[in-house]
Amino acid sequence: MKIWTWKRNWVAKRAVEKAENLDLNAVRHVAVLKHAALGDLVLTRPFLITLREYFPNAEITLSVAKHYMNGLPHDLVDHVHVVHSKKNGKGILTRLKELRNLGEQDILFDISAVSRTFWISLFSKATLKVGFKHRLVHRFIYDIAVARTAYKFEAQTFMDQLQVLGLQYKWPLEFALSGDKSPIEGAYILYFPTASVDYKMWDFHRYAELIKVLQVRYPDHKHVLLSGIADWERKICDKVEALVEDKGNFTRVNGGEDTCNIVAGAALLVSNDTGIRNLAIAYQTPTVCIFMATLPFTYAPHFGQHEIVFKTQGGQPEVDEVVAASVKILTDTDNNNLSSR
């Protein structure tokens, strides 16, 4: 294998010889470290699919955090390496043992670049270790460290670690994810108003106003408010629901086992939560994502039908801006459906 690098990457002197001694068909063990929540785990799917294509004889191990198991791509890996955190109630000796028991690998990819995966990378034996540049930490852990950017879709950023080894990926990105039948009949627009932290959430009054406007504009669609599973998320949805006066084509559903199928079956998802939006992207569900402070470009795929809405000066976008993005998506969808007939 050859290392295809550029001036902003870091490559150890030992890395060139290590890569030259690796043959694609001879690689037997590949590990990917991704300790993150649902949305990020979904975004590992194109990475894992590409690995399988280039290393057909390898066993792929995915390392994850115990408290982040939702959305784990079991169908694309052979083994799962699980590490507990302090919040799981495990002692330091147990956690230290877990950090060390990944097993010997031919190639290790750390696409997380968090303290826990730094330790796993350091303790693990692998012929070639690839990660992201992080201050000076990378020089003591990896053989190759790729410069990371937050100004392109995050799943593409992961793929940079493959491209440095000359591995090309399909475009648009392939997720190989399909949902079962949605429990909601007919066409519907889905709204998900909560997020992991308050500053990422669009005001619930604006969500209610958006729903009312789109109810009138799209009377033949159901307008479905999806709640997260936490009590505080349901209370936010209670507030939105109370402000929606016309309940004729409005319904409320609580998240749970059917969430994936509900997302997969929607005509459009409107949300300020990047996790559920990443899930929708993987299902090829059109999306409008609302940003207040989070860097939006990390979550802006240049494929599919996806819009991002944010103010250049920051703050809460106006309702009419989100309406315009939603109408654009739904109009484009209708035009695509007509042209395909």
Protein backbone atom coordinates (compact mmCIF):
# COMPACT_ATOMS: atom_id res chain seq x y z
CA MET A 1 0.00 0.00 0.00
CA LYS A 2 1.08 3.57 -0.70
CA ILE A 3 0.48 6.58 1.53
CA TRP A 4 -1.20 9.41 -0.39
CA THR A 5 -0.62 12.41 1.82
CA TRP A 6 -0.25 16.19 1.70
CA LYS A 7 1.51 18.89 3.68
CA ARG A 8 -1.12 19.30 6.41
CA ASN A 9 -1.10 15.63 7.35
CA TRP A 10 1.48 14.07 9.63
CA VAL A 11 3.26 10.86 8.61
CA ALA A 12 5.83 9.12 10.79
CA LYS A 13 9.03 7.98 9.07
CA ARG A 14 8.20 4.38 9.97
CA ALA A 15 4.77 4.63 8.29
CA VAL A 16 5.96 4.43 4.67
CA GLU A 17 7.67 1.07 5.16
CA LYS A 18 4.76 -0.25 7.22
CA ALA A 19 2.27 0.64 4.51
CA GLU A 20 4.45 -0.87 1.76
CA ASN A 21 4.46 -4.19 3.62
CA LEU A 22 0.65 -4.32 3.75
CA ASP A 23 -1.22 -6.06 0.93
CA LEU A 24 -4.97 -5.46 0.55
CA ASN A 25 -5.79 -9.15 0.19
CA ALA A 26 -3.49 -10.14 3.04
CA VAL A 27 -5.07 -7.85 5.63
CA ARG A 28 -6.96 -10.00 8.13
CA HIS A 29 -7.86 -7.69 11.00
CA VAL A 30 -9.09 -4.09 10.82
CA ALA A 31 -10.36 -2.03 13.76
CA VAL A 32 -12.42 1.16 13.69
CA LEU A 33 -12.78 3.26 16.84
CA LYS A 34 -15.95 5.32 17.02
CA HIS A 35 -17.10 6.32 20.50
CA ALA A 36 -20.08 8.56 19.82
CA ALA A 37 -23.87 8.67 19.87
CA LEU A 38 -26.52 7.52 17.37
CA GLY A 39 -25.95 10.11 14.66
CA ASP A 40 -22.20 9.56 14.48
CA LEU A 41 -22.54 5.78 14.52
CA VAL A 42 -24.88 6.02 11.54
CA LEU A 43 -22.24 8.05 9.73
CA THR A 44 -19.70 5.23 10.11
CA ARG A 45 -21.67 3.07 7.69
CA PRO A 46 -20.10 4.37 4.43
CA PHE A 47 -16.67 3.98 6.05
CA LEU A 48 -17.35 0.37 7.02
CA ILE A 49 -18.86 -0.45 3.61
CA THR A 50 -15.72 0.85 1.89
CA LEU A 51 -13.49 -1.15 4.23
CA ARG A 52 -15.37 -4.33 3.34
CA GLU A 53 -14.87 -3.66 -0.37
CA TYR A 54 -11.13 -3.13 -0.09
CA PHE A 55 -10.40 -5.74 2.58
CA PRO A 56 -12.64 -8.70 1.63
CA ASN A 57 -10.64 -11.17 3.72
CA ALA A 58 -10.52 -9.07 6.88
CA GLU A 59 -12.50 -9.29 10.09
CA ILE A 60 -13.72 -5.84 11.02
CA THR A 61 -13.98 -4.82 14.66
CA LEU A 62 -15.86 -1.69 15.72
CA SER A 63 -14.94 -0.20 19.11
CA VAL A 64 -17.78 1.70 20.82
CA ALA A 65 -18.65 3.20 24.20
CA LYS A 66 -21.12 1.25 26.34
CA HIS A 67 -23.37 4.30 26.85
CA TYR A 68 -23.50 4.88 23.07
CA MET A 69 -24.81 1.64 21.57
CA ASN A 70 -27.97 2.87 19.85
CA GLY A 71 -27.59 2.71 16.08
CA LEU A 72 -24.64 0.31 16.20
CA PRO A 73 -24.09 -1.09 12.65
CA HIS A 74 -24.03 -4.79 13.59
CA ASP A 75 -24.69 -5.78 9.99
CA LEU A 76 -21.41 -4.26 8.76
CA VAL A 77 -18.93 -5.57 11.33
CA ASP A 78 -17.70 -8.92 12.58
CA HIS A 79 -16.88 -7.96 16.16
CA VAL A 80 -17.84 -5.22 18.60
CA HIS A 81 -15.36 -4.01 21.21
CA VAL A 82 -17.20 -2.30 24.08
CA VAL A 83 -15.62 0.06 26.60
CA HIS A 84 -17.40 1.29 29.72
CA SER A 85 -17.04 4.78 31.11
CA LYS A 86 -17.03 5.95 34.70
CA LYS A 87 -20.74 6.73 34.46
CA ASN A 88 -21.44 3.01 33.83
CA GLY A 89 -20.24 2.25 37.37
CA LYS A 90 -17.18 0.24 36.33
CA GLY A 91 -13.93 0.56 38.30
CA ILE A 92 -10.72 1.91 36.82
CA LEU A 93 -9.08 -1.53 36.61
CA THR A 94 -12.00 -2.93 34.61
CA ARG A 95 -11.98 0.04 32.27
CA LEU A 96 -8.23 -0.14 31.84
CA LYS A 97 -8.50 -3.81 30.90
CA GLU A 98 -11.18 -2.98 28.32
CA LEU A 99 -8.98 -0.29 26.80
CA ARG A 100 -6.26 -2.90 26.30
CA ASN A 101 -8.29 -5.83 24.96
CA LEU A 102 -9.06 -4.70 21.40
CA GLY A 103 -6.79 -7.42 20.04
CA GLU A 104 -3.98 -7.33 17.51
CA GLN A 105 -4.85 -5.57 14.24
CA ASP A 106 -3.31 -5.08 10.83
CA ILE A 107 -4.79 -1.58 10.52
CA LEU A 108 -6.43 0.58 13.18
CA PHE A 109 -8.52 3.64 12.28
CA ASP A 110 -9.44 6.09 15.04
CA ILE A 111 -12.22 8.26 13.60
CA SER A 112 -13.23 9.63 17.01
CA ALA A 113 -10.14 11.42 18.34
CA VAL A 114 -11.38 11.52 21.94
CA SER A 115 -9.40 10.70 25.07
CA ARG A 116 -10.79 7.17 25.38
CA THR A 117 -9.89 6.25 21.80
CA PHE A 118 -6.45 7.81 22.22
CA TRP A 119 -5.78 5.34 25.02
CA ILE A 120 -7.14 2.39 23.02
CA SER A 121 -4.94 3.38 20.07
CA LEU A 122 -1.91 3.71 22.32
CA PHE A 123 -2.41 0.38 24.09
CA SER A 124 -3.39 -1.63 21.01
CA LYS A 125 -0.94 -3.50 18.82
CA ALA A 126 -1.45 -2.73 15.14
CA THR A 127 0.83 -2.76 12.12
CA LEU A 128 -0.49 0.61 10.95
CA LYS A 129 -2.41 3.16 13.03
CA VAL A 130 -4.33 5.97 11.37
CA GLY A 131 -6.02 8.84 13.21
CA PHE A 132 -6.66 12.58 13.15
CA LYS A 133 -4.17 15.27 14.06
CA HIS A 134 -4.79 16.49 17.59
CA ARG A 135 -2.37 18.99 19.10
CA LEU A 136 0.77 16.85 19.53
CA VAL A 137 -0.99 13.72 20.79
CA HIS A 138 -1.00 12.09 17.36
CA ARG A 139 2.80 11.92 17.18
CA PHE A 140 2.90 9.53 20.13
CA ILE A 141 0.02 7.29 19.00
CA TYR A 142 -0.41 7.01 15.24
CA ASP A 143 1.68 6.26 12.19
CA ILE A 144 -0.47 8.58 10.06
CA ALA A 145 -2.52 11.54 11.30
CA VAL A 146 -4.90 13.29 8.91
CA ALA A 147 -5.74 16.98 9.19
CA ARG A 148 -9.39 17.29 10.13
CA THR A 149 -11.87 19.92 8.96
CA ALA A 150 -15.31 20.81 10.29
CA TYR A 151 -16.34 22.53 7.06
CA LYS A 152 -17.55 19.49 5.17
CA PHE A 153 -20.02 16.70 5.91
CA GLU A 154 -18.66 14.68 8.82
CA ALA A 155 -19.00 11.30 7.13
CA GLN A 156 -16.69 12.59 4.38
CA THR A 157 -14.20 13.65 7.03
CA PHE A 158 -14.02 10.05 8.25
CA MET A 159 -13.30 8.95 4.68
CA ASP A 160 -10.15 11.08 4.59
CA GLN A 161 -8.48 8.36 6.66
CA LEU A 162 -9.22 5.90 3.86
CA GLN A 163 -8.11 8.21 1.08
CA VAL A 164 -4.70 8.69 2.69
CA LEU A 165 -4.18 4.98 1.89
CA GLY A 166 -5.50 5.38 -1.64
CA LEU A 167 -8.93 3.86 -0.91
CA GLN A 168 -11.73 5.53 -2.88
CA TYR A 169 -15.35 5.62 -1.77
CA LYS A 170 -18.62 5.74 -3.68
CA TRP A 171 -20.44 9.01 -4.24
CA PRO A 172 -23.06 9.74 -3.14
CA LEU A 173 -22.20 8.01 0.09
CA GLU A 174 -23.71 4.56 0.48
CA PHE A 175 -25.33 3.72 3.84
CA ALA A 176 -27.04 0.39 2.98
CA LEU A 177 -29.84 1.15 5.43
CA SER A 178 -33.52 0.58 4.79
CA GLY A 179 -36.50 0.87 7.10
CA ASP A 180 -39.50 -1.37 7.59
CA LYS A 181 -43.05 -0.15 7.04
CA SER A 182 -43.83 3.01 8.97
CA PRO A 183 -46.71 2.78 11.49
CA ILE A 184 -47.98 6.10 10.08
CA GLU A 185 -50.10 5.77 6.96
CA GLY A 186 -49.93 8.19 4.03
CA ALA A 187 -47.61 11.13 3.37
CA TYR A 188 -46.37 13.02 6.42
CA ILE A 189 -43.98 15.74 7.51
CA LEU A 190 -42.03 14.92 10.67
CA TYR A 191 -40.95 17.48 13.27
CA PHE A 192 -38.38 16.72 15.99
CA PRO A 193 -37.95 19.77 18.28
CA THR A 194 -35.42 18.69 20.91
CA ALA A 195 -31.64 18.24 21.01
CA SER A 196 -28.92 17.18 23.43
CA VAL A 197 -28.46 20.70 24.83
CA ASP A 198 -30.68 23.78 25.07
CA TYR A 199 -28.63 26.07 22.83
CA LYS A 200 -29.18 23.71 19.89
CA MET A 201 -32.97 23.89 20.15
CA TRP A 202 -35.15 26.14 18.05
CA ASP A 203 -37.81 27.85 20.18
CA PHE A 204 -40.92 25.69 20.64
CA HIS A 205 -43.18 28.65 19.76
CA ARG A 206 -41.49 28.75 16.35
CA TYR A 207 -42.02 25.02 15.87
CA ALA A 208 -45.74 25.43 16.56
CA GLU A 209 -45.94 28.34 14.11
CA LEU A 210 -44.07 26.33 11.47
CA ILE A 211 -46.46 23.41 11.85
CA LYS A 212 -49.48 25.72 11.52
CA VAL A 213 -48.12 27.31 8.34
CA LEU A 214 -47.24 23.97 6.72
CA GLN A 215 -50.61 22.49 7.77
CA VAL A 216 -52.30 25.06 5.58
CA ARG A 217 -49.77 24.74 2.76
CA TYR A 218 -49.86 20.91 2.77
CA PRO A 219 -53.33 19.89 3.94
CA ASP A 220 -53.00 16.42 2.35
CA HIS A 221 -49.99 15.60 4.50
CA LYS A 222 -50.11 14.55 8.10
CA HIS A 223 -48.00 16.72 10.38
CA VAL A 224 -46.33 14.49 12.93
CA LEU A 225 -44.61 15.78 16.06
CA LEU A 226 -42.02 13.23 17.21
CA SER A 227 -40.91 13.28 20.84
CA GLY A 228 -37.66 11.96 22.21
CA ILE A 229 -37.74 9.33 24.94
CA ALA A 230 -36.72 11.53 27.88
CA ASP A 231 -39.35 13.15 30.13
CA TRP A 232 -38.04 16.66 29.43
CA GLU A 233 -38.29 16.02 25.68
CA ARG A 234 -41.93 15.02 26.04
CA LYS A 235 -42.61 18.18 28.03
CA ILE A 236 -41.20 20.28 25.19
CA CYS A 237 -43.47 18.45 22.76
CA ASP A 238 -46.40 19.04 25.13
CA LYS A 239 -45.77 22.77 24.75
CA VAL A 240 -45.61 22.57 20.96
CA GLU A 241 -48.72 20.41 20.77
CA ALA A 242 -50.70 22.80 22.99
CA LEU A 243 -50.05 25.67 20.57
CA VAL A 244 -51.20 23.75 17.48
CA GLU A 245 -54.89 24.62 17.24
CA ASP A 246 -55.94 22.51 14.25
CA LYS A 247 -55.59 18.86 15.23
CA GLY A 248 -57.25 17.62 12.03
CA ASN A 249 -54.06 16.67 10.17
CA PHE A 250 -51.79 16.84 13.22
CA THR A 251 -50.63 13.94 15.35
CA ARG A 252 -48.09 13.34 18.10
CA VAL A 253 -45.99 10.22 18.53
CA ASN A 254 -43.45 9.35 21.18
CA GLY A 255 -40.09 7.96 20.19
CA GLY A 256 -39.25 4.33 20.81
CA GLU A 257 -38.79 1.14 18.82
CA ASP A 258 -40.62 2.58 15.79
CA THR A 259 -38.53 5.76 15.55
CA CYS A 260 -36.29 4.47 12.74
CA ASN A 261 -39.24 3.36 10.62
CA ILE A 262 -41.07 6.65 11.27
CA VAL A 263 -38.02 8.61 10.14
CA ALA A 264 -37.51 6.37 7.10
CA GLY A 265 -41.12 6.83 5.95
CA ALA A 266 -41.36 10.62 6.23
CA ALA A 267 -41.71 12.91 3.22
CA LEU A 268 -39.59 15.44 5.14
CA LEU A 269 -37.91 15.71 8.53
CA VAL A 270 -37.57 19.15 10.14
CA SER A 271 -35.27 19.17 13.13
CA ASN A 272 -32.56 20.98 15.04
CA ASP A 273 -31.10 17.68 16.26
CA THR A 274 -28.20 16.45 14.13
CA GLY A 275 -28.43 12.88 15.43
CA ILE A 276 -31.90 12.11 14.14
CA ARG A 277 -31.10 14.09 11.01
CA ASN A 278 -28.09 11.87 10.31
CA LEU A 279 -30.43 8.91 10.67
CA ALA A 280 -32.77 10.47 8.11
CA ILE A 281 -29.87 11.11 5.72
CA ALA A 282 -28.93 7.43 5.93
CA TYR A 283 -32.53 6.47 5.11
CA GLN A 284 -32.57 8.95 2.17
CA THR A 285 -35.34 10.92 3.87
CA PRO A 286 -35.27 14.62 2.85
CA THR A 287 -34.35 16.95 5.71
CA VAL A 288 -34.32 20.55 6.86
CA CYS A 289 -31.97 21.13 9.78
CA ILE A 290 -32.05 24.31 11.89
CA PHE A 291 -28.87 25.70 13.45
CA MET A 292 -28.37 28.39 16.09
CA ALA A 293 -24.76 28.02 17.24
CA THR A 294 -23.45 24.64 16.07
CA LEU A 295 -21.26 24.84 12.95
CA PRO A 296 -23.75 23.87 10.22
CA PHE A 297 -21.31 22.86 7.49
CA THR A 298 -20.32 19.69 9.35
CA TYR A 299 -23.90 18.53 8.85
CA ALA A 300 -24.44 19.64 5.24
CA PRO A 301 -24.16 16.73 2.79
CA HIS A 302 -23.80 17.77 -0.84
CA PHE A 303 -26.00 14.92 -2.02
CA GLY A 304 -29.64 13.99 -1.57
CA GLN A 305 -32.36 16.50 -0.66
CA HIS A 306 -31.14 18.32 2.42
CA GLU A 307 -31.24 21.97 3.47
CA ILE A 308 -29.59 23.78 6.38
CA VAL A 309 -31.12 26.94 7.84
CA PHE A 310 -29.11 29.38 9.94
CA LYS A 311 -28.52 33.10 10.34
CA THR A 312 -25.09 34.28 9.28
CA GLN A 313 -24.95 36.41 12.42
CA GLY A 314 -26.14 33.53 14.63
CA GLY A 315 -29.30 33.24 16.68
CA GLN A 316 -32.74 31.80 15.99
CA PRO A 317 -33.75 31.57 12.31
CA GLU A 318 -37.16 32.97 11.44
CA VAL A 319 -40.14 30.73 10.77
CA ASP A 320 -40.46 31.93 7.17
CA GLU A 321 -36.86 30.87 6.48
CA VAL A 322 -37.61 27.31 7.63
CA VAL A 323 -40.88 27.34 5.69
CA ALA A 324 -39.01 28.36 2.52
CA ALA A 325 -36.47 25.53 2.94
CA SER A 326 -39.26 23.00 3.60
CA VAL A 327 -41.24 24.11 0.55
CA LYS A 328 -38.13 23.90 -1.62
CA ILE A 329 -37.49 20.31 -0.53
CA LEU A 330 -41.10 19.20 -0.99
CA THR A 331 -41.38 20.96 -4.36
CA ASP A 332 -38.16 19.35 -5.59
CA THR A 333 -39.44 15.98 -4.38
CA ASP A 334 -42.72 16.41 -6.29
CA ASN A 335 -40.86 17.48 -9.45
CA ASN A 336 -38.51 14.49 -9.20
CA ASN A 337 -41.48 12.15 -8.80
CA LEU A 338 -43.17 13.63 -11.88
CA SER A 339 -40.03 13.42 -14.01
CA SER A 340 -39.49 9.77 -13.09
CA ARG A 341 -42.93 8.69 -14.32
